[in-house]
């Protein structure tokens, strides 16, 4: 279900790496994405756009939706394919959409970087200047990926977290926390009361 933009709706860009190694996490995200909408008090609404990359240069964005069933339907039709990361395209798309109408937050879920980190940091810094925070969630423990992801989050005044795909409640809590932030800022995020929400809040500027 989609509807025209309304001023009171929060807007959240939900970006995922859909290269081949990501299939288990993609399936997990599919099963958890409805949690984002449940974090939003009525009568507010959350508009979410799905963005993913995979294969040889494929990077696609969905329409904006305000319903967990609609987002689940979009995600269920996508399979992961081999290819390199395209984080630069994620940042560029976020900037373009933000210029059309403010996006309150961007979630990015991934486990690797195969691009120039300095170039990505520059693009992240540009998002920070526009007031568009990145919430970056890393699967795995690659220290080079972690250092870069943390830097991108810092440059945008967002936050970083690592999650374990074998503990789905961790990712669910992270998604709900950012959805609350996108809809109502820090105050609504505080109401989530999870350890994941508190850890994200601690990284956000006052």
N, C-alpha and C. Protein backbone atom coordinates (compact mmCIF):
# COMPACT_ATOMS: atom_id res chain seq x y z
N UNK A 1 0.85 -1.19 0.00
CA UNK A 1 0.00 0.00 0.00
C UNK A 1 0.88 1.23 0.00
N UNK A 2 0.64 2.15 -0.88
CA UNK A 2 1.40 3.39 -0.94
C UNK A 2 0.42 4.55 -0.94
N UNK A 3 0.91 5.71 -0.63
CA UNK A 3 0.04 6.88 -0.66
C UNK A 3 0.90 8.10 -0.90
N UNK A 4 0.32 9.24 -1.24
CA UNK A 4 1.10 10.45 -1.45
C UNK A 4 1.83 10.86 -0.17
N UNK A 5 2.94 11.58 -0.35
CA UNK A 5 3.70 12.06 0.81
C UNK A 5 2.84 12.94 1.68
N UNK A 6 2.99 12.80 3.00
CA UNK A 6 2.31 13.66 3.94
C UNK A 6 3.33 14.20 4.92
N UNK A 7 3.16 15.45 5.31
CA UNK A 7 4.18 16.16 6.07
C UNK A 7 4.54 15.46 7.37
N UNK A 8 3.57 14.79 8.01
CA UNK A 8 3.85 14.21 9.31
C UNK A 8 4.55 12.86 9.24
N UNK A 9 4.63 12.28 8.07
CA UNK A 9 5.25 10.98 7.95
C UNK A 9 6.77 11.07 8.02
N UNK A 10 7.37 10.18 8.83
CA UNK A 10 8.81 10.04 8.78
C UNK A 10 9.20 9.30 7.53
N UNK A 11 10.42 9.52 7.05
CA UNK A 11 10.89 8.84 5.84
C UNK A 11 12.21 8.14 6.14
N UNK A 12 12.27 6.88 5.78
CA UNK A 12 13.41 6.04 6.08
C UNK A 12 13.85 5.30 4.82
N UNK A 13 15.11 5.45 4.46
CA UNK A 13 15.68 4.70 3.35
C UNK A 13 16.35 3.45 3.91
N UNK A 14 15.90 2.28 3.46
CA UNK A 14 16.36 0.99 3.98
C UNK A 14 17.21 0.34 2.89
N UNK A 15 18.53 0.40 3.05
CA UNK A 15 19.45 -0.05 2.01
C UNK A 15 20.18 -1.32 2.44
N UNK A 16 20.24 -2.29 1.54
CA UNK A 16 20.87 -3.56 1.86
C UNK A 16 21.79 -4.00 0.73
N UNK A 17 22.89 -4.61 1.14
CA UNK A 17 23.78 -5.31 0.24
C UNK A 17 23.10 -6.63 -0.14
N UNK A 18 22.84 -6.82 -1.44
CA UNK A 18 22.18 -8.05 -1.90
C UNK A 18 23.11 -8.86 -2.79
N UNK A 19 24.42 -8.79 -2.52
CA UNK A 19 25.35 -9.65 -3.23
C UNK A 19 25.22 -11.07 -2.67
N UNK A 20 25.83 -12.03 -3.34
CA UNK A 20 25.53 -13.44 -3.08
C UNK A 20 25.73 -13.87 -1.63
N UNK A 21 26.77 -13.34 -0.97
CA UNK A 21 27.05 -13.76 0.41
C UNK A 21 25.96 -13.33 1.38
N UNK A 22 25.07 -12.47 0.93
CA UNK A 22 24.10 -11.85 1.83
C UNK A 22 22.77 -12.59 1.90
N UNK A 23 22.57 -13.67 1.16
CA UNK A 23 21.24 -14.29 1.11
C UNK A 23 20.67 -14.63 2.49
N UNK A 24 21.44 -15.23 3.40
CA UNK A 24 20.86 -15.53 4.72
C UNK A 24 20.40 -14.26 5.45
N UNK A 25 21.18 -13.19 5.34
CA UNK A 25 20.80 -11.95 6.03
C UNK A 25 19.65 -11.27 5.31
N UNK A 26 19.59 -11.39 3.99
CA UNK A 26 18.44 -10.84 3.26
C UNK A 26 17.16 -11.53 3.74
N UNK A 27 17.21 -12.84 3.85
CA UNK A 27 16.04 -13.58 4.32
C UNK A 27 15.66 -13.15 5.74
N UNK A 28 16.68 -12.91 6.57
CA UNK A 28 16.41 -12.44 7.93
C UNK A 28 15.75 -11.07 7.91
N UNK A 29 16.28 -10.16 7.09
CA UNK A 29 15.69 -8.82 7.00
C UNK A 29 14.26 -8.88 6.50
N UNK A 30 13.99 -9.78 5.56
CA UNK A 30 12.62 -9.96 5.07
C UNK A 30 11.67 -10.32 6.20
N UNK A 31 12.14 -11.19 7.08
CA UNK A 31 11.28 -11.66 8.16
C UNK A 31 11.10 -10.63 9.26
N UNK A 32 12.00 -9.64 9.32
CA UNK A 32 11.97 -8.68 10.42
C UNK A 32 11.49 -7.29 10.03
N UNK A 33 11.40 -7.01 8.74
CA UNK A 33 11.17 -5.63 8.33
C UNK A 33 9.87 -5.04 8.87
N UNK A 34 8.85 -5.86 9.08
CA UNK A 34 7.58 -5.33 9.60
C UNK A 34 7.73 -4.71 10.98
N UNK A 35 8.79 -5.11 11.72
CA UNK A 35 9.02 -4.55 13.05
C UNK A 35 9.21 -3.04 12.98
N UNK A 36 9.74 -2.55 11.87
CA UNK A 36 9.96 -1.11 11.75
C UNK A 36 8.64 -0.35 11.84
N UNK A 37 7.63 -0.86 11.19
CA UNK A 37 6.35 -0.17 11.17
C UNK A 37 5.65 -0.27 12.53
N UNK A 38 5.90 -1.35 13.25
CA UNK A 38 5.27 -1.52 14.57
C UNK A 38 5.84 -0.56 15.60
N UNK A 39 7.00 0.02 15.32
CA UNK A 39 7.62 0.95 16.26
C UNK A 39 7.02 2.35 16.19
N UNK A 40 6.12 2.57 15.24
CA UNK A 40 5.60 3.92 15.01
C UNK A 40 4.22 4.06 15.64
N UNK A 41 4.03 5.03 16.55
CA UNK A 41 2.72 5.22 17.17
C UNK A 41 1.72 5.80 16.18
N UNK A 42 0.49 5.40 16.31
CA UNK A 42 -0.57 5.97 15.48
C UNK A 42 -0.90 7.37 16.02
N UNK A 43 -1.34 8.33 15.21
CA UNK A 43 -1.67 8.18 13.79
C UNK A 43 -0.49 8.46 12.85
N UNK A 44 0.72 8.55 13.40
CA UNK A 44 1.87 8.78 12.54
C UNK A 44 2.07 7.60 11.59
N UNK A 45 2.84 7.83 10.56
CA UNK A 45 3.16 6.77 9.61
C UNK A 45 4.62 6.87 9.24
N UNK A 46 5.17 5.78 8.80
CA UNK A 46 6.55 5.74 8.36
C UNK A 46 6.59 5.35 6.89
N UNK A 47 7.20 6.18 6.08
CA UNK A 47 7.41 5.85 4.68
C UNK A 47 8.79 5.22 4.55
N UNK A 48 8.84 4.08 3.91
CA UNK A 48 10.11 3.36 3.73
C UNK A 48 10.34 3.09 2.25
N UNK A 49 11.56 3.34 1.82
CA UNK A 49 11.97 2.97 0.48
C UNK A 49 13.08 1.92 0.58
N UNK A 50 12.94 0.84 -0.15
CA UNK A 50 13.95 -0.21 -0.19
C UNK A 50 14.95 0.11 -1.30
N UNK A 51 16.23 0.01 -0.97
CA UNK A 51 17.30 0.20 -1.94
C UNK A 51 18.26 -0.98 -1.81
N UNK A 52 18.63 -1.59 -2.92
CA UNK A 52 19.54 -2.73 -2.85
C UNK A 52 20.45 -2.75 -4.07
N UNK A 53 21.61 -3.37 -3.90
CA UNK A 53 22.50 -3.57 -5.04
C UNK A 53 22.92 -5.03 -5.09
N UNK A 54 23.24 -5.49 -6.29
CA UNK A 54 23.66 -6.88 -6.51
C UNK A 54 24.22 -7.00 -7.92
N UNK A 55 24.80 -8.14 -8.24
CA UNK A 55 25.21 -8.44 -9.60
C UNK A 55 26.22 -7.46 -10.17
N UNK A 56 26.18 -7.29 -11.47
CA UNK A 56 27.14 -6.44 -12.19
C UNK A 56 26.57 -5.04 -12.36
N UNK A 57 26.69 -4.26 -11.31
CA UNK A 57 26.28 -2.86 -11.39
C UNK A 57 24.81 -2.59 -11.17
N UNK A 58 24.04 -3.60 -10.77
CA UNK A 58 22.61 -3.38 -10.54
C UNK A 58 22.38 -2.74 -9.19
N UNK A 59 21.68 -1.62 -9.19
CA UNK A 59 21.31 -0.93 -7.94
C UNK A 59 19.92 -0.35 -8.17
N UNK A 60 18.95 -0.81 -7.38
CA UNK A 60 17.56 -0.44 -7.63
C UNK A 60 16.88 0.07 -6.36
N UNK A 61 15.96 0.97 -6.56
CA UNK A 61 15.16 1.50 -5.46
C UNK A 61 13.69 1.21 -5.72
N UNK A 62 12.95 0.90 -4.66
CA UNK A 62 11.52 0.66 -4.77
C UNK A 62 10.76 1.98 -4.69
N UNK A 63 9.45 1.90 -4.82
CA UNK A 63 8.60 3.03 -4.49
C UNK A 63 8.60 3.20 -2.97
N UNK A 64 8.13 4.32 -2.50
CA UNK A 64 7.96 4.54 -1.06
C UNK A 64 6.68 3.85 -0.60
N UNK A 65 6.75 3.11 0.50
CA UNK A 65 5.59 2.39 1.02
C UNK A 65 5.40 2.72 2.50
N UNK A 66 4.18 2.53 2.98
CA UNK A 66 3.90 2.81 4.40
C UNK A 66 3.31 1.59 5.09
N UNK A 67 3.58 0.43 4.54
CA UNK A 67 2.93 -0.78 5.02
C UNK A 67 3.92 -1.93 5.00
N UNK A 68 3.99 -2.66 6.11
CA UNK A 68 4.93 -3.77 6.20
C UNK A 68 4.67 -4.85 5.17
N UNK A 69 3.40 -5.09 4.85
CA UNK A 69 3.08 -6.12 3.85
C UNK A 69 3.59 -5.73 2.47
N UNK A 70 3.48 -4.43 2.16
CA UNK A 70 3.95 -3.96 0.86
C UNK A 70 5.47 -4.09 0.75
N UNK A 71 6.16 -3.75 1.83
CA UNK A 71 7.61 -3.87 1.81
C UNK A 71 8.04 -5.33 1.75
N UNK A 72 7.35 -6.19 2.48
CA UNK A 72 7.65 -7.62 2.45
C UNK A 72 7.47 -8.19 1.04
N UNK A 73 6.42 -7.75 0.36
CA UNK A 73 6.18 -8.22 -1.00
C UNK A 73 7.30 -7.80 -1.93
N UNK A 74 7.77 -6.56 -1.77
CA UNK A 74 8.88 -6.09 -2.59
C UNK A 74 10.14 -6.93 -2.33
N UNK A 75 10.42 -7.19 -1.06
CA UNK A 75 11.65 -7.90 -0.71
C UNK A 75 11.61 -9.36 -1.12
N UNK A 76 10.43 -9.96 -1.05
CA UNK A 76 10.32 -11.40 -1.34
C UNK A 76 10.58 -11.72 -2.81
N UNK A 77 10.47 -10.72 -3.66
CA UNK A 77 10.69 -10.95 -5.08
C UNK A 77 12.14 -10.76 -5.51
N UNK A 78 13.04 -10.55 -4.55
CA UNK A 78 14.44 -10.25 -4.88
C UNK A 78 15.34 -11.37 -4.36
N UNK A 79 16.22 -11.85 -5.20
CA UNK A 79 17.21 -12.82 -4.77
C UNK A 79 18.61 -12.20 -4.85
N UNK A 80 19.52 -12.68 -4.03
CA UNK A 80 20.87 -12.14 -4.01
C UNK A 80 21.68 -12.72 -5.17
N UNK A 81 22.59 -11.90 -5.70
CA UNK A 81 23.43 -12.30 -6.83
C UNK A 81 24.86 -11.84 -6.59
N UNK A 82 25.81 -12.58 -7.13
CA UNK A 82 27.21 -12.24 -6.96
C UNK A 82 27.54 -10.86 -7.54
N UNK A 83 28.54 -10.22 -6.97
CA UNK A 83 28.93 -8.89 -7.44
C UNK A 83 29.68 -8.14 -6.35
N UNK A 84 30.18 -6.98 -6.71
CA UNK A 84 30.91 -6.15 -5.75
C UNK A 84 29.98 -5.17 -5.06
N UNK A 85 30.44 -4.60 -3.96
CA UNK A 85 29.64 -3.62 -3.24
C UNK A 85 29.47 -2.35 -4.08
N UNK A 86 28.36 -1.66 -3.84
CA UNK A 86 28.04 -0.41 -4.54
C UNK A 86 27.54 0.63 -3.53
N UNK A 87 28.29 0.76 -2.45
CA UNK A 87 27.91 1.69 -1.39
C UNK A 87 27.88 3.12 -1.90
N UNK A 88 28.76 3.45 -2.83
CA UNK A 88 28.77 4.80 -3.40
C UNK A 88 27.42 5.14 -4.02
N UNK A 89 26.80 4.17 -4.69
CA UNK A 89 25.49 4.41 -5.29
C UNK A 89 24.41 4.59 -4.22
N UNK A 90 24.56 3.89 -3.10
CA UNK A 90 23.61 4.06 -2.00
C UNK A 90 23.67 5.50 -1.50
N UNK A 91 24.89 6.00 -1.28
CA UNK A 91 25.05 7.37 -0.78
C UNK A 91 24.53 8.39 -1.81
N UNK A 92 24.81 8.16 -3.08
CA UNK A 92 24.35 9.08 -4.12
C UNK A 92 22.82 9.10 -4.20
N UNK A 93 22.21 7.92 -4.11
CA UNK A 93 20.75 7.85 -4.16
C UNK A 93 20.13 8.55 -2.95
N UNK A 94 20.72 8.34 -1.79
CA UNK A 94 20.21 8.99 -0.58
C UNK A 94 20.25 10.51 -0.74
N UNK A 95 21.33 10.99 -1.27
CA UNK A 95 21.46 12.45 -1.47
C UNK A 95 20.40 12.95 -2.45
N UNK A 96 20.20 12.22 -3.54
CA UNK A 96 19.22 12.63 -4.54
C UNK A 96 17.80 12.64 -3.98
N UNK A 97 17.43 11.59 -3.25
CA UNK A 97 16.09 11.52 -2.67
C UNK A 97 15.89 12.58 -1.59
N UNK A 98 16.93 12.83 -0.82
CA UNK A 98 16.86 13.83 0.24
C UNK A 98 16.64 15.23 -0.34
N UNK A 99 17.19 15.47 -1.54
CA UNK A 99 17.02 16.77 -2.19
C UNK A 99 15.57 16.98 -2.63
N UNK A 100 14.88 15.87 -2.93
CA UNK A 100 13.48 15.97 -3.34
C UNK A 100 12.57 16.24 -2.14
N UNK A 101 12.80 15.49 -1.08
CA UNK A 101 12.05 15.66 0.17
C UNK A 101 12.85 15.00 1.29
N UNK A 102 12.90 15.66 2.40
CA UNK A 102 13.77 15.23 3.49
C UNK A 102 13.59 13.76 3.85
N UNK A 103 14.72 13.07 3.96
CA UNK A 103 14.76 11.72 4.54
C UNK A 103 15.26 11.87 5.97
N UNK A 104 14.59 11.24 6.91
CA UNK A 104 14.97 11.38 8.31
C UNK A 104 16.13 10.50 8.73
N UNK A 105 16.29 9.36 8.05
CA UNK A 105 17.39 8.45 8.40
C UNK A 105 17.60 7.46 7.27
N UNK A 106 18.84 6.95 7.19
CA UNK A 106 19.18 5.88 6.25
C UNK A 106 19.72 4.71 7.06
N UNK A 107 19.17 3.52 6.83
CA UNK A 107 19.74 2.28 7.36
C UNK A 107 20.54 1.62 6.24
N UNK A 108 21.76 1.21 6.56
CA UNK A 108 22.52 0.40 5.60
C UNK A 108 22.99 -0.87 6.31
N UNK A 109 22.70 -2.03 5.70
CA UNK A 109 23.08 -3.32 6.26
C UNK A 109 24.04 -4.00 5.29
N UNK A 110 25.24 -4.33 5.77
CA UNK A 110 26.21 -4.97 4.89
C UNK A 110 27.34 -5.62 5.68
N UNK A 111 28.25 -6.25 4.96
CA UNK A 111 29.35 -6.95 5.62
C UNK A 111 30.70 -6.73 4.96
N UNK A 112 30.75 -5.92 3.89
CA UNK A 112 31.99 -5.78 3.14
C UNK A 112 32.07 -4.41 2.48
N UNK A 113 33.30 -4.04 2.10
CA UNK A 113 33.54 -2.84 1.30
C UNK A 113 34.57 -3.22 0.24
N UNK A 114 34.21 -2.99 -1.02
CA UNK A 114 35.13 -3.26 -2.13
C UNK A 114 35.34 -2.01 -2.97
N UNK A 115 35.16 -0.85 -2.34
CA UNK A 115 35.32 0.44 -3.00
C UNK A 115 36.37 1.25 -2.26
N UNK A 116 36.72 2.41 -2.81
CA UNK A 116 37.70 3.28 -2.18
C UNK A 116 37.08 3.92 -0.94
N UNK A 117 37.65 3.63 0.21
CA UNK A 117 37.07 4.09 1.47
C UNK A 117 37.12 5.60 1.59
N UNK A 118 38.19 6.22 1.12
CA UNK A 118 38.30 7.68 1.20
C UNK A 118 37.21 8.35 0.37
N UNK A 119 36.94 7.81 -0.82
CA UNK A 119 35.87 8.37 -1.65
C UNK A 119 34.51 8.23 -0.96
N UNK A 120 34.28 7.07 -0.34
CA UNK A 120 33.03 6.87 0.37
C UNK A 120 32.91 7.81 1.56
N UNK A 121 34.00 8.03 2.26
CA UNK A 121 33.97 8.93 3.41
C UNK A 121 33.62 10.35 2.98
N UNK A 122 34.14 10.76 1.83
CA UNK A 122 33.80 12.09 1.32
C UNK A 122 32.30 12.20 1.04
N UNK A 123 31.75 11.16 0.43
CA UNK A 123 30.31 11.17 0.14
C UNK A 123 29.48 11.12 1.42
N UNK A 124 29.96 10.37 2.41
CA UNK A 124 29.26 10.34 3.70
C UNK A 124 29.29 11.72 4.35
N UNK A 125 30.43 12.39 4.26
CA UNK A 125 30.53 13.73 4.81
C UNK A 125 29.54 14.69 4.18
N UNK A 126 29.31 14.53 2.88
CA UNK A 126 28.33 15.38 2.19
C UNK A 126 26.91 15.13 2.73
N UNK A 127 26.60 13.85 3.01
CA UNK A 127 25.30 13.55 3.62
C UNK A 127 25.19 14.18 5.00
N UNK A 128 26.30 14.16 5.74
CA UNK A 128 26.30 14.78 7.06
C UNK A 128 26.00 16.27 6.99
N UNK A 129 26.57 16.94 6.01
CA UNK A 129 26.32 18.38 5.85
C UNK A 129 24.86 18.67 5.51
N UNK A 130 24.20 17.69 4.90
CA UNK A 130 22.78 17.85 4.55
C UNK A 130 21.86 17.45 5.70
N UNK A 131 22.43 16.98 6.80
CA UNK A 131 21.62 16.57 7.94
C UNK A 131 20.94 15.24 7.77
N UNK A 132 21.61 14.31 7.05
CA UNK A 132 21.03 13.00 6.78
C UNK A 132 21.87 11.92 7.48
N UNK A 133 21.43 11.43 8.65
CA UNK A 133 22.23 10.47 9.41
C UNK A 133 22.16 9.05 8.85
N UNK A 134 23.30 8.38 8.86
CA UNK A 134 23.39 6.98 8.47
C UNK A 134 23.45 6.10 9.71
N UNK A 135 22.63 5.07 9.73
CA UNK A 135 22.69 4.04 10.76
C UNK A 135 23.19 2.77 10.06
N UNK A 136 24.43 2.42 10.34
CA UNK A 136 25.10 1.36 9.60
C UNK A 136 25.25 0.12 10.47
N UNK A 137 24.71 -0.99 9.99
CA UNK A 137 24.69 -2.24 10.74
C UNK A 137 25.56 -3.27 10.02
N UNK A 138 26.59 -3.71 10.69
CA UNK A 138 27.56 -4.64 10.11
C UNK A 138 27.31 -6.06 10.58
N UNK A 139 27.24 -6.97 9.63
CA UNK A 139 27.29 -8.38 9.96
C UNK A 139 28.73 -8.84 9.83
N UNK A 140 29.20 -9.62 10.79
CA UNK A 140 30.59 -10.09 10.73
C UNK A 140 31.52 -9.22 11.56
N UNK A 141 32.80 -9.57 11.52
CA UNK A 141 33.76 -8.91 12.39
C UNK A 141 35.01 -8.43 11.65
N UNK A 142 34.89 -8.14 10.37
CA UNK A 142 36.03 -7.62 9.63
C UNK A 142 36.41 -6.25 10.21
N UNK A 143 37.62 -6.11 10.78
CA UNK A 143 37.97 -4.86 11.45
C UNK A 143 38.10 -3.68 10.49
N UNK A 144 38.51 -3.92 9.25
CA UNK A 144 38.64 -2.83 8.28
C UNK A 144 37.26 -2.31 7.89
N UNK A 145 36.31 -3.23 7.73
CA UNK A 145 34.94 -2.83 7.43
C UNK A 145 34.36 -2.05 8.62
N UNK A 146 34.60 -2.54 9.81
CA UNK A 146 34.09 -1.85 10.99
C UNK A 146 34.62 -0.43 11.10
N UNK A 147 35.92 -0.26 10.89
CA UNK A 147 36.52 1.08 10.99
C UNK A 147 35.88 2.03 9.98
N UNK A 148 35.68 1.55 8.76
CA UNK A 148 35.08 2.40 7.74
C UNK A 148 33.62 2.70 8.05
N UNK A 149 32.86 1.68 8.43
CA UNK A 149 31.45 1.89 8.75
C UNK A 149 31.28 2.86 9.92
N UNK A 150 32.12 2.71 10.93
CA UNK A 150 32.05 3.64 12.06
C UNK A 150 32.32 5.07 11.61
N UNK A 151 33.28 5.23 10.71
CA UNK A 151 33.62 6.57 10.22
C UNK A 151 32.47 7.16 9.42
N UNK A 152 31.84 6.36 8.57
CA UNK A 152 30.70 6.88 7.80
C UNK A 152 29.58 7.33 8.74
N UNK A 153 29.30 6.53 9.76
CA UNK A 153 28.25 6.91 10.71
C UNK A 153 28.61 8.21 11.44
N UNK A 154 29.86 8.31 11.87
CA UNK A 154 30.31 9.52 12.58
C UNK A 154 30.19 10.76 11.69
N UNK A 155 30.59 10.64 10.45
CA UNK A 155 30.58 11.78 9.53
C UNK A 155 29.16 12.28 9.25
N UNK A 156 28.17 11.42 9.40
CA UNK A 156 26.79 11.81 9.14
C UNK A 156 26.01 12.09 10.43
N UNK A 157 26.71 12.03 11.56
CA UNK A 157 26.06 12.18 12.88
C UNK A 157 25.00 11.10 13.09
N UNK A 158 25.32 9.91 12.60
CA UNK A 158 24.47 8.75 12.79
C UNK A 158 25.06 7.79 13.80
N UNK A 159 24.93 6.49 13.57
CA UNK A 159 25.41 5.51 14.55
C UNK A 159 25.73 4.20 13.85
N UNK A 160 26.59 3.41 14.52
CA UNK A 160 27.04 2.12 14.00
C UNK A 160 26.70 1.03 15.01
N UNK A 161 26.42 -0.17 14.50
CA UNK A 161 26.24 -1.33 15.37
C UNK A 161 26.61 -2.58 14.60
N UNK A 162 27.10 -3.57 15.32
CA UNK A 162 27.33 -4.89 14.74
C UNK A 162 26.20 -5.80 15.21
N UNK A 163 25.80 -6.75 14.36
CA UNK A 163 24.79 -7.71 14.78
C UNK A 163 25.21 -9.10 14.32
N UNK A 164 24.64 -10.08 14.95
CA UNK A 164 24.90 -11.48 14.64
C UNK A 164 23.63 -12.05 14.02
N UNK A 165 23.74 -12.53 12.79
CA UNK A 165 22.56 -13.04 12.10
C UNK A 165 21.94 -14.24 12.80
N UNK A 166 22.70 -14.88 13.69
CA UNK A 166 22.13 -16.02 14.43
C UNK A 166 21.30 -15.54 15.62
N UNK A 167 21.29 -14.24 15.87
CA UNK A 167 20.48 -13.66 16.95
C UNK A 167 19.54 -12.62 16.34
N UNK A 168 18.47 -13.04 15.70
CA UNK A 168 17.62 -12.12 14.94
C UNK A 168 17.03 -10.99 15.76
N UNK A 169 16.87 -11.21 17.08
CA UNK A 169 16.29 -10.15 17.90
C UNK A 169 17.19 -8.91 17.93
N UNK A 170 18.50 -9.10 17.72
CA UNK A 170 19.41 -7.95 17.70
C UNK A 170 19.09 -7.03 16.52
N UNK A 171 18.99 -7.61 15.34
CA UNK A 171 18.68 -6.79 14.16
C UNK A 171 17.27 -6.22 14.26
N UNK A 172 16.33 -6.98 14.78
CA UNK A 172 14.97 -6.47 14.94
C UNK A 172 14.94 -5.24 15.82
N UNK A 173 15.68 -5.27 16.93
CA UNK A 173 15.71 -4.13 17.84
C UNK A 173 16.38 -2.92 17.18
N UNK A 174 17.42 -3.15 16.39
CA UNK A 174 18.09 -2.05 15.70
C UNK A 174 17.16 -1.41 14.68
N UNK A 175 16.46 -2.21 13.91
CA UNK A 175 15.53 -1.68 12.91
C UNK A 175 14.42 -0.87 13.57
N UNK A 176 13.88 -1.39 14.65
CA UNK A 176 12.81 -0.68 15.35
C UNK A 176 13.30 0.65 15.91
N UNK A 177 14.52 0.66 16.44
CA UNK A 177 15.06 1.88 17.02
C UNK A 177 15.21 2.97 15.97
N UNK A 178 15.73 2.62 14.80
CA UNK A 178 15.93 3.63 13.77
C UNK A 178 14.59 4.06 13.17
N UNK A 179 13.66 3.14 13.04
CA UNK A 179 12.33 3.52 12.57
C UNK A 179 11.70 4.54 13.51
N UNK A 180 11.85 4.32 14.80
CA UNK A 180 11.33 5.28 15.78
C UNK A 180 12.02 6.62 15.63
N UNK A 181 13.32 6.61 15.44
CA UNK A 181 14.07 7.86 15.25
C UNK A 181 13.59 8.59 14.01
N UNK A 182 13.40 7.86 12.92
CA UNK A 182 12.96 8.49 11.67
C UNK A 182 11.58 9.12 11.81
N UNK A 183 10.75 8.54 12.66
CA UNK A 183 9.39 9.04 12.84
C UNK A 183 9.30 10.16 13.87
N UNK A 184 10.06 10.02 14.98
CA UNK A 184 9.90 10.98 16.07
C UNK A 184 11.17 11.46 16.73
N UNK A 185 12.32 11.21 16.11
CA UNK A 185 13.57 11.72 16.66
C UNK A 185 14.03 10.95 17.89
N UNK A 186 14.96 11.56 18.63
CA UNK A 186 15.57 10.92 19.79
C UNK A 186 14.54 10.52 20.83
N UNK A 187 13.52 11.37 21.05
CA UNK A 187 12.56 11.09 22.12
C UNK A 187 11.78 9.81 21.86
N UNK A 188 11.36 9.60 20.61
CA UNK A 188 10.64 8.37 20.30
C UNK A 188 11.59 7.17 20.32
N UNK A 189 12.82 7.39 19.93
CA UNK A 189 13.80 6.31 19.97
C UNK A 189 14.03 5.84 21.41
N UNK A 190 14.03 6.78 22.35
CA UNK A 190 14.23 6.42 23.76
C UNK A 190 13.14 5.48 24.26
N UNK A 191 11.95 5.60 23.72
CA UNK A 191 10.83 4.78 24.19
C UNK A 191 10.99 3.32 23.81
N UNK A 192 11.91 3.01 22.88
CA UNK A 192 12.15 1.61 22.51
C UNK A 192 12.73 0.82 23.68
N UNK A 193 13.55 1.49 24.49
CA UNK A 193 14.05 0.93 25.76
C UNK A 193 14.86 -0.35 25.62
N UNK A 194 15.32 -0.67 24.42
CA UNK A 194 16.17 -1.85 24.25
C UNK A 194 17.64 -1.45 24.42
N UNK A 195 18.47 -2.42 24.70
CA UNK A 195 19.91 -2.13 24.82
C UNK A 195 20.46 -1.63 23.49
N UNK A 196 19.92 -2.14 22.38
CA UNK A 196 20.37 -1.70 21.06
C UNK A 196 20.01 -0.23 20.83
N UNK A 197 18.81 0.17 21.23
CA UNK A 197 18.41 1.56 21.07
C UNK A 197 19.28 2.47 21.93
N UNK A 198 19.58 2.04 23.15
CA UNK A 198 20.41 2.86 24.02
C UNK A 198 21.82 3.02 23.46
N UNK A 199 22.35 1.95 22.86
CA UNK A 199 23.69 2.01 22.28
C UNK A 199 23.73 2.96 21.09
N UNK A 200 22.68 2.97 20.29
CA UNK A 200 22.62 3.90 19.16
C UNK A 200 22.48 5.33 19.65
N UNK A 201 21.61 5.53 20.63
CA UNK A 201 21.40 6.88 21.17
C UNK A 201 22.69 7.47 21.73
N UNK A 202 23.50 6.63 22.36
CA UNK A 202 24.74 7.11 22.96
C UNK A 202 25.71 7.68 21.92
N UNK A 203 25.55 7.26 20.67
CA UNK A 203 26.43 7.74 19.62
C UNK A 203 25.94 9.00 18.95
N UNK A 204 24.65 9.32 19.10
CA UNK A 204 24.08 10.47 18.43
C UNK A 204 24.46 11.75 19.13
N UNK A 205 24.71 12.83 18.37
CA UNK A 205 25.01 14.11 19.02
C UNK A 205 23.81 14.62 19.79
N UNK A 206 24.06 15.34 20.85
CA UNK A 206 22.97 15.85 21.69
C UNK A 206 22.16 16.90 20.93
